[in-house]
PDB file of N, CA and C in Angstrom:
ATOM      1  N   MET A   1       0.819  -1.178   0.000  1.00  0.00           N
ATOM      2  CA  MET A   1       0.000   0.000   0.000  1.00  0.00           C
ATOM      3  C   MET A   1       0.867   1.247   0.000  1.00  0.00           C
ATOM      4  N   ALA A   2       2.136   1.111   0.165  1.00  0.00           N
ATOM      5  CA  ALA A   2       3.026   2.274   0.224  1.00  0.00           C
ATOM      6  C   ALA A   2       2.980   3.043  -1.081  1.00  0.00           C
ATOM      7  N   THR A   3       3.024   4.347  -0.959  1.00  0.00           N
ATOM      8  CA  THR A   3       3.012   5.195  -2.132  1.00  0.00           C
ATOM      9  C   THR A   3       4.431   5.594  -2.472  1.00  0.00           C
ATOM     10  N   GLU A   4       4.648   5.969  -3.745  1.00  0.00           N
ATOM     11  CA  GLU A   4       5.970   6.444  -4.138  1.00  0.00           C
ATOM     12  C   GLU A   4       6.210   7.803  -3.507  1.00  0.00           C
ATOM     13  N   TYR A   5       7.466   8.084  -3.231  1.00  0.00           N
ATOM     14  CA  TYR A   5       7.838   9.367  -2.642  1.00  0.00           C
ATOM     15  C   TYR A   5       7.556  10.492  -3.630  1.00  0.00           C
ATOM     16  N   THR A   6       6.904  11.533  -3.143  1.00  0.00           N
ATOM     17  CA  THR A   6       6.667  12.733  -3.918  1.00  0.00           C
ATOM     18  C   THR A   6       7.355  13.881  -3.192  1.00  0.00           C
ATOM     19  N   PRO A   7       8.222  14.617  -3.878  1.00  0.00           N
ATOM     20  CA  PRO A   7       8.906  15.721  -3.209  1.00  0.00           C
ATOM     21  C   PRO A   7       7.897  16.745  -2.688  1.00  0.00           C
ATOM     22  N   PRO A   8       8.224  17.395  -1.578  1.00  0.00           N
ATOM     23  CA  PRO A   8       7.315  18.411  -1.049  1.00  0.00           C
ATOM     24  C   PRO A   8       7.060  19.504  -2.086  1.00  0.00           C
ATOM     25  N   ASP A   9       5.827  19.890  -2.229  1.00  0.00           N
ATOM     26  CA  ASP A   9       5.447  20.990  -3.102  1.00  0.00           C
ATOM     27  C   ASP A   9       4.145  21.576  -2.568  1.00  0.00           C
ATOM     28  N   GLU A  10       3.427  22.265  -3.410  1.00  0.00           N
ATOM     29  CA  GLU A  10       2.195  22.889  -2.943  1.00  0.00           C
ATOM     30  C   GLU A  10       1.111  21.880  -2.589  1.00  0.00           C
ATOM     31  N   THR A  11       1.301  20.598  -2.915  1.00  0.00           N
ATOM     32  CA  THR A  11       0.300  19.589  -2.586  1.00  0.00           C
ATOM     33  C   THR A  11       0.583  18.885  -1.270  1.00  0.00           C
ATOM     34  N   THR A  12       1.685  19.217  -0.623  1.00  0.00           N
ATOM     35  CA  THR A  12       2.009  18.596   0.664  1.00  0.00           C
ATOM     36  C   THR A  12       2.173  19.665   1.726  1.00  0.00           C
ATOM     37  N   VAL A  13       2.130  19.231   2.966  1.00  0.00           N
ATOM     38  CA  VAL A  13       2.330  20.125   4.096  1.00  0.00           C
ATOM     39  C   VAL A  13       3.219  19.413   5.107  1.00  0.00           C
ATOM     40  N   ASN A  14       4.101  20.147   5.733  1.00  0.00           N
ATOM     41  CA  ASN A  14       4.998  19.582   6.735  1.00  0.00           C
ATOM     42  C   ASN A  14       4.343  19.731   8.097  1.00  0.00           C
ATOM     43  N   LYS A  15       4.135  18.619   8.790  1.00  0.00           N
ATOM     44  CA  LYS A  15       3.547  18.596  10.125  1.00  0.00           C
ATOM     45  C   LYS A  15       4.521  17.941  11.090  1.00  0.00           C
ATOM     46  N   SER A  16       4.446  18.343  12.325  1.00  0.00           N
ATOM     47  CA  SER A  16       5.273  17.743  13.362  1.00  0.00           C
ATOM     48  C   SER A  16       4.382  16.941  14.295  1.00  0.00           C
ATOM     49  N   VAL A  17       4.779  15.709  14.562  1.00  0.00           N
ATOM     50  CA  VAL A  17       4.032  14.867  15.495  1.00  0.00           C
ATOM     51  C   VAL A  17       4.980  14.331  16.556  1.00  0.00           C
ATOM     52  N   THR A  18       4.439  14.052  17.701  1.00  0.00           N
ATOM     53  CA  THR A  18       5.218  13.462  18.780  1.00  0.00           C
ATOM     54  C   THR A  18       4.689  12.054  19.017  1.00  0.00           C
ATOM     55  N   ILE A  19       5.591  11.067  18.895  1.00  0.00           N
ATOM     56  CA  ILE A  19       5.219   9.677  19.104  1.00  0.00           C
ATOM     57  C   ILE A  19       6.270   9.033  19.999  1.00  0.00           C
ATOM     58  N   PRO A  20       5.922   7.919  20.616  1.00  0.00           N
ATOM     59  CA  PRO A  20       6.906   7.234  21.453  1.00  0.00           C
ATOM     60  C   PRO A  20       8.158   6.865  20.660  1.00  0.00           C
ATOM     61  N   ARG A  21       9.297   7.011  21.299  1.00  0.00           N
ATOM     62  CA  ARG A  21      10.588   6.737  20.667  1.00  0.00           C
ATOM     63  C   ARG A  21      10.642   5.313  20.103  1.00  0.00           C
ATOM     64  N   ALA A  22      10.150   4.345  20.861  1.00  0.00           N
ATOM     65  CA  ALA A  22      10.193   2.954  20.403  1.00  0.00           C
ATOM     66  C   ALA A  22       9.377   2.770  19.126  1.00  0.00           C
ATOM     67  N   LEU A  23       8.251   3.448  19.030  1.00  0.00           N
ATOM     68  CA  LEU A  23       7.423   3.367  17.834  1.00  0.00           C
ATOM     69  C   LEU A  23       8.151   3.983  16.638  1.00  0.00           C
ATOM     70  N   ALA A  24       8.748   5.148  16.839  1.00  0.00           N
ATOM     71  CA  ALA A  24       9.501   5.800  15.773  1.00  0.00           C
ATOM     72  C   ALA A  24      10.659   4.912  15.316  1.00  0.00           C
ATOM     73  N   SER A  25      11.329   4.286  16.253  1.00  0.00           N
ATOM     74  CA  SER A  25      12.447   3.398  15.905  1.00  0.00           C
ATOM     75  C   SER A  25      11.980   2.213  15.078  1.00  0.00           C
ATOM     76  N   GLU A  26      10.829   1.661  15.436  1.00  0.00           N
ATOM     77  CA  GLU A  26      10.311   0.516  14.695  1.00  0.00           C
ATOM     78  C   GLU A  26       9.927   0.913  13.269  1.00  0.00           C
ATOM     79  N   VAL A  27       9.312   2.086  13.115  1.00  0.00           N
ATOM     80  CA  VAL A  27       8.976   2.562  11.770  1.00  0.00           C
ATOM     81  C   VAL A  27      10.259   2.828  10.985  1.00  0.00           C
ATOM     82  N   ASP A  28      11.221   3.491  11.613  1.00  0.00           N
ATOM     83  CA  ASP A  28      12.495   3.772  10.944  1.00  0.00           C
ATOM     84  C   ASP A  28      13.163   2.486  10.453  1.00  0.00           C
ATOM     85  N   ALA A  29      13.064   1.434  11.238  1.00  0.00           N
ATOM     86  CA  ALA A  29      13.701   0.173  10.871  1.00  0.00           C
ATOM     87  C   ALA A  29      13.050  -0.459   9.638  1.00  0.00           C
ATOM     88  N   ARG A  30      11.827  -0.071   9.351  1.00  0.00           N
ATOM     89  CA  ARG A  30      11.097  -0.655   8.229  1.00  0.00           C
ATOM     90  C   ARG A  30      11.000   0.270   7.016  1.00  0.00           C
ATOM     91  N   THR A  31      11.569   1.457   7.121  1.00  0.00           N
ATOM     92  CA  THR A  31      11.471   2.425   6.028  1.00  0.00           C
ATOM     93  C   THR A  31      12.832   3.055   5.764  1.00  0.00           C
ATOM     94  N   ASP A  32      12.940   3.736   4.616  1.00  0.00           N
ATOM     95  CA  ASP A  32      14.162   4.480   4.349  1.00  0.00           C
ATOM     96  C   ASP A  32      13.987   5.911   4.864  1.00  0.00           C
ATOM     97  N   ALA A  33      14.912   6.785   4.545  1.00  0.00           N
ATOM     98  CA  ALA A  33      14.897   8.141   5.089  1.00  0.00           C
ATOM     99  C   ALA A  33      13.601   8.882   4.773  1.00  0.00           C
ATOM    100  N   ARG A  34      13.102   8.723   3.573  1.00  0.00           N
ATOM    101  CA  ARG A  34      11.869   9.417   3.200  1.00  0.00           C
ATOM    102  C   ARG A  34      10.636   8.544   3.407  1.00  0.00           C
ATOM    103  N   GLY A  35      10.832   7.307   3.785  1.00  0.00           N
ATOM    104  CA  GLY A  35       9.726   6.383   3.945  1.00  0.00           C
ATOM    105  C   GLY A  35       8.867   6.653   5.152  1.00  0.00           C
ATOM    106  N   PHE A  36       9.427   7.322   6.165  1.00  0.00           N
ATOM    107  CA  PHE A  36       8.663   7.586   7.387  1.00  0.00           C
ATOM    108  C   PHE A  36       7.410   8.388   7.063  1.00  0.00           C
ATOM    109  N   SER A  37       7.575   9.467   6.308  1.00  0.00           N
ATOM    110  CA  SER A  37       6.422  10.307   5.961  1.00  0.00           C
ATOM    111  C   SER A  37       5.401   9.521   5.140  1.00  0.00           C
ATOM    112  N   ASN A  38       5.883   8.735   4.176  1.00  0.00           N
ATOM    113  CA  ASN A  38       4.962   7.922   3.384  1.00  0.00           C
ATOM    114  C   ASN A  38       4.233   6.911   4.246  1.00  0.00           C
ATOM    115  N   PHE A  39       4.951   6.309   5.183  1.00  0.00           N
ATOM    116  CA  PHE A  39       4.361   5.338   6.090  1.00  0.00           C
ATOM    117  C   PHE A  39       3.235   5.977   6.896  1.00  0.00           C
ATOM    118  N   VAL A  40       3.512   7.131   7.474  1.00  0.00           N
ATOM    119  CA  VAL A  40       2.514   7.831   8.284  1.00  0.00           C
ATOM    120  C   VAL A  40       1.347   8.290   7.408  1.00  0.00           C
ATOM    121  N   SER A  41       1.634   8.789   6.225  1.00  0.00           N
ATOM    122  CA  SER A  41       0.588   9.225   5.303  1.00  0.00           C
ATOM    123  C   SER A  41      -0.326   8.063   4.921  1.00  0.00           C
ATOM    124  N   ASP A  42       0.276   6.910   4.599  1.00  0.00           N
ATOM    125  CA  ASP A  42      -0.518   5.730   4.253  1.00  0.00           C
ATOM    126  C   ASP A  42      -1.401   5.299   5.418  1.00  0.00           C
ATOM    127  N   LEU A  43      -0.845   5.329   6.632  1.00  0.00           N
ATOM    128  CA  LEU A  43      -1.641   4.955   7.802  1.00  0.00           C
ATOM    129  C   LEU A  43      -2.793   5.924   8.032  1.00  0.00           C
ATOM    130  N   ALA A  44      -2.549   7.215   7.834  1.00  0.00           N
ATOM    131  CA  ALA A  44      -3.607   8.214   8.000  1.00  0.00           C
ATOM    132  C   ALA A  44      -4.712   7.982   6.967  1.00  0.00           C
ATOM    133  N   GLU A  45      -4.327   7.711   5.718  1.00  0.00           N
ATOM    134  CA  GLU A  45      -5.320   7.423   4.683  1.00  0.00           C
ATOM    135  C   GLU A  45      -6.146   6.195   5.053  1.00  0.00           C
ATOM    136  N   HIS A  46      -5.488   5.164   5.533  1.00  0.00           N
ATOM    137  CA  HIS A  46      -6.173   3.931   5.923  1.00  0.00           C
ATOM    138  C   HIS A  46      -7.140   4.190   7.080  1.00  0.00           C
ATOM    139  N   ALA A  47      -6.684   4.920   8.095  1.00  0.00           N
ATOM    140  CA  ALA A  47      -7.529   5.225   9.251  1.00  0.00           C
ATOM    141  C   ALA A  47      -8.745   6.047   8.837  1.00  0.00           C
ATOM    142  N   LEU A  48      -8.546   7.015   7.949  1.00  0.00           N
ATOM    143  CA  LEU A  48      -9.673   7.831   7.489  1.00  0.00           C
ATOM    144  C   LEU A  48     -10.658   7.001   6.669  1.00  0.00           C
ATOM    145  N   ALA A  49     -10.160   6.074   5.862  1.00  0.00           N
ATOM    146  CA  ALA A  49     -11.050   5.203   5.094  1.00  0.00           C
ATOM    147  C   ALA A  49     -11.892   4.342   6.029  1.00  0.00           C
ATOM    148  N   LEU A  50     -11.280   3.815   7.080  1.00  0.00           N
ATOM    149  CA  LEU A  50     -12.026   3.028   8.066  1.00  0.00           C
ATOM    150  C   LEU A  50     -13.071   3.875   8.765  1.00  0.00           C
ATOM    151  N   THR A  51     -12.706   5.100   9.114  1.00  0.00           N
ATOM    152  CA  THR A  51     -13.640   6.003   9.783  1.00  0.00           C
ATOM    153  C   THR A  51     -14.835   6.296   8.879  1.00  0.00           C
ATOM    154  N   ARG A  52     -14.565   6.566   7.592  1.00  0.00           N
ATOM    155  CA  ARG A  52     -15.664   6.832   6.650  1.00  0.00           C
ATOM    156  C   ARG A  52     -16.562   5.601   6.518  1.00  0.00           C
ATOM    157  N   THR A  53     -15.964   4.421   6.443  1.00  0.00           N
ATOM    158  CA  THR A  53     -16.742   3.189   6.325  1.00  0.00           C
ATOM    159  C   THR A  53     -17.598   2.971   7.555  1.00  0.00           C
ATOM    160  N   ARG A  54     -17.037   3.161   8.722  1.00  0.00           N
ATOM    161  CA  ARG A  54     -17.807   2.981   9.970  1.00  0.00           C
ATOM    162  C   ARG A  54     -18.933   3.994  10.064  1.00  0.00           C
ATOM    163  N   THR A  55     -18.651   5.229   9.676  1.00  0.00           N
ATOM    164  CA  THR A  55     -19.684   6.272   9.713  1.00  0.00           C
ATOM    165  C   THR A  55     -20.819   5.914   8.762  1.00  0.00           C
ATOM    166  N   ARG A  56     -20.481   5.493   7.539  1.00  0.00           N
ATOM    167  CA  ARG A  56     -21.508   5.120   6.561  1.00  0.00           C
ATOM    168  C   ARG A  56     -22.299   3.908   7.034  1.00  0.00           C
ATOM    169  N   THR A  57     -21.630   2.939   7.614  1.00  0.00           N
ATOM    170  CA  THR A  57     -22.323   1.757   8.134  1.00  0.00           C
ATOM    171  C   THR A  57     -23.294   2.148   9.236  1.00  0.00           C
ATOM    172  N   ARG A  58     -22.837   3.004  10.158  1.00  0.00           N
ATOM    173  CA  ARG A  58     -23.693   3.470  11.242  1.00  0.00           C
ATOM    174  C   ARG A  58     -24.924   4.209  10.686  1.00  0.00           C
ATOM    175  N   GLU A  59     -24.712   5.042   9.661  1.00  0.00           N
ATOM    176  CA  GLU A  59     -25.817   5.770   9.033  1.00  0.00           C
ATOM    177  C   GLU A  59     -26.813   4.812   8.387  1.00  0.00           C
ATOM    178  N   MET A  60     -26.300   3.759   7.737  1.00  0.00           N
ATOM    179  CA  MET A  60     -27.180   2.785   7.090  1.00  0.00           C
ATOM    180  C   MET A  60     -28.003   2.024   8.132  1.00  0.00           C
ATOM    181  N   ILE A  61     -27.362   1.652   9.240  1.00  0.00           N
ATOM    182  CA  ILE A  61     -28.076   0.937  10.305  1.00  0.00           C
ATOM    183  C   ILE A  61     -29.155   1.838  10.896  1.00  0.00           C
ATOM    184  N   GLU A  62     -28.808   3.089  11.172  1.00  0.00           N
ATOM    185  CA  GLU A  62     -29.784   4.021  11.741  1.00  0.00           C
ATOM    186  C   GLU A  62     -30.955   4.241  10.787  1.00  0.00           C
ATOM    187  N   ALA A  63     -30.683   4.368   9.490  1.00  0.00           N
ATOM    188  CA  ALA A  63     -31.754   4.560   8.510  1.00  0.00           C
ATOM    189  C   ALA A  63     -32.659   3.335   8.463  1.00  0.00           C
ATOM    190  N   TYR A  64     -32.050   2.146   8.483  1.00  0.00           N
ATOM    191  CA  TYR A  64     -32.842   0.923   8.475  1.00  0.00           C
ATOM    192  C   TYR A  64     -33.735   0.860   9.717  1.00  0.00           C
ATOM    193  N   GLU A  65     -33.138   1.138  10.871  1.00  0.00           N
ATOM    194  CA  GLU A  65     -33.907   1.062  12.115  1.00  0.00           C
ATOM    195  C   GLU A  65     -34.980   2.143  12.180  1.00  0.00           C
ATOM    196  N   ASP A  66     -34.744   3.305  11.581  1.00  0.00           N
ATOM    197  CA  ASP A  66     -35.766   4.356  11.534  1.00  0.00           C
ATOM    198  C   ASP A  66     -36.964   3.909  10.709  1.00  0.00           C
ATOM    199  N   ASP A  67     -36.713   3.167   9.628  1.00  0.00           N
ATOM    200  CA  ASP A  67     -37.781   2.707   8.736  1.00  0.00           C
ATOM    201  C   ASP A  67     -38.427   1.415   9.214  1.00  0.00           C
ATOM    202  N   ASN A  68     -37.752   0.668  10.055  1.00  0.00           N
ATOM    203  CA  ASN A  68     -38.244  -0.629  10.502  1.00  0.00           C
ATOM    204  C   ASN A  68     -38.307  -0.621  12.023  1.00  0.00           C
ATOM    205  N   ALA A  69     -37.572  -1.495  12.627  1.00  0.00           N
ATOM    206  CA  ALA A  69     -37.483  -1.567  14.088  1.00  0.00           C
ATOM    207  C   ALA A  69     -36.019  -1.765  14.444  1.00  0.00           C
ATOM    208  N   PRO A  70     -35.661  -1.426  15.673  1.00  0.00           N
ATOM    209  CA  PRO A  70     -34.279  -1.674  16.081  1.00  0.00           C
ATOM    210  C   PRO A  70     -33.944  -3.162  15.950  1.00  0.00           C
ATOM    211  N   PHE A  71     -32.675  -3.426  15.622  1.00  0.00           N
ATOM    212  CA  PHE A  71     -32.231  -4.813  15.554  1.00  0.00           C
ATOM    213  C   PHE A  71     -32.322  -5.438  16.935  1.00  0.00           C
ATOM    214  N   THR A  72     -32.724  -6.695  16.966  1.00  0.00           N
ATOM    215  CA  THR A  72     -32.806  -7.413  18.236  1.00  0.00           C
ATOM    216  C   THR A  72     -31.407  -7.905  18.609  1.00  0.00           C
ATOM    217  N   PRO A  73     -31.186  -8.223  19.877  1.00  0.00           N
ATOM    218  CA  PRO A  73     -29.893  -8.801  20.269  1.00  0.00           C
ATOM    219  C   PRO A  73     -29.574 -10.077  19.479  1.00  0.00           C
ATOM    220  N   GLU A  74     -30.594 -10.859  19.150  1.00  0.00           N
ATOM    221  CA  GLU A  74     -30.376 -12.082  18.388  1.00  0.00           C
ATOM    222  C   GLU A  74     -29.900 -11.757  16.969  1.00  0.00           C
ATOM    223  N   GLU A  75     -30.490 -10.736  16.346  1.00  0.00           N
ATOM    224  CA  GLU A  75     -30.066 -10.347  14.998  1.00  0.00           C
ATOM    225  C   GLU A  75     -28.639  -9.809  15.009  1.00  0.00           C
ATOM    226  N   ILE A  76     -28.315  -9.057  16.028  1.00  0.00           N
ATOM    227  CA  ILE A  76     -26.961  -8.525  16.160  1.00  0.00           C
ATOM    228  C   ILE A  76     -25.959  -9.662  16.343  1.00  0.00           C
ATOM    229  N   GLU A  77     -26.305 -10.639  17.165  1.00  0.00           N
ATOM    230  CA  GLU A  77     -25.416 -11.788  17.384  1.00  0.00           C
ATOM    231  C   GLU A  77     -25.258 -12.599  16.108  1.00  0.00           C
ATOM    232  N   GLN A  78     -26.344 -12.785  15.357  1.00  0.00           N
ATOM    233  CA  GLN A  78     -26.261 -13.516  14.088  1.00  0.00           C
ATOM    234  C   GLN A  78     -25.365 -12.765  13.111  1.00  0.00           C
ATOM    235  N   ALA A  79     -25.483 -11.455  13.045  1.00  0.00           N
ATOM    236  CA  ALA A  79     -24.636 -10.657  12.162  1.00  0.00           C
ATOM    237  C   ALA A  79     -23.176 -10.795  12.580  1.00  0.00           C
ATOM    238  N   ARG A  80     -22.908 -10.778  13.881  1.00  0.00           N
ATOM    239  CA  ARG A  80     -21.540 -10.928  14.389  1.00  0.00           C
ATOM    240  C   ARG A  80     -20.975 -12.277  13.961  1.00  0.00           C
ATOM    241  N   ARG A  81     -21.749 -13.335  14.140  1.00  0.00           N
ATOM    242  CA  ARG A  81     -21.294 -14.679  13.770  1.00  0.00           C
ATOM    243  C   ARG A  81     -21.045 -14.777  12.264  1.00  0.00           C
ATOM    244  N   THR A  82     -21.922 -14.198  11.487  1.00  0.00           N
ATOM    245  CA  THR A  82     -21.766 -14.212  10.026  1.00  0.00           C
ATOM    246  C   THR A  82     -20.489 -13.447   9.643  1.00  0.00           C
ATOM    247  N   TRP A  83     -20.301 -12.294  10.236  1.00  0.00           N
ATOM    248  CA  TRP A  83     -19.118 -11.474   9.934  1.00  0.00           C
ATOM    249  C   TRP A  83     -17.830 -12.223  10.238  1.00  0.00           C
ATOM    250  N   LEU A  84     -17.823 -12.957  11.353  1.00  0.00           N
ATOM    251  CA  LEU A  84     -16.635 -13.695  11.777  1.00  0.00           C
ATOM    252  C   LEU A  84     -16.519 -15.066  11.135  1.00  0.00           C
ATOM    253  N   GLY A  85     -17.529 -15.450  10.348  1.00  0.00           N
ATOM    254  CA  GLY A  85     -17.496 -16.738   9.678  1.00  0.00           C
ATOM    255  C   GLY A  85     -17.728 -17.905  10.614  1.00  0.00           C
ATOM    256  N   GLU A  86     -18.469 -17.675  11.654  1.00  0.00           N
ATOM    257  CA  GLU A  86     -18.737 -18.749  12.630  1.00  0.00           C
ATOM    258  C   GLU A  86     -19.966 -19.543  12.252  1.00  0.00           C
TER     259      GLU A  86
END
């Protein structure tokens, strides 16, 4: 999922973050000098995609329940089992 390095220009912004030293060391060990920023950027994109998906899922559930009835605990458990492949 890593993206190719793009030199800083008007499409990028330099931000400073503070993270635990051990975490930074682990990322450094897995990336090159410019890979740290790409690594963090990729993770931010992934986290935002998950957030959008969760928000949309929550909206769909709320819309369904507004038009029908709230899901029962049994329906929720069945959905959980189906999701986990149980």
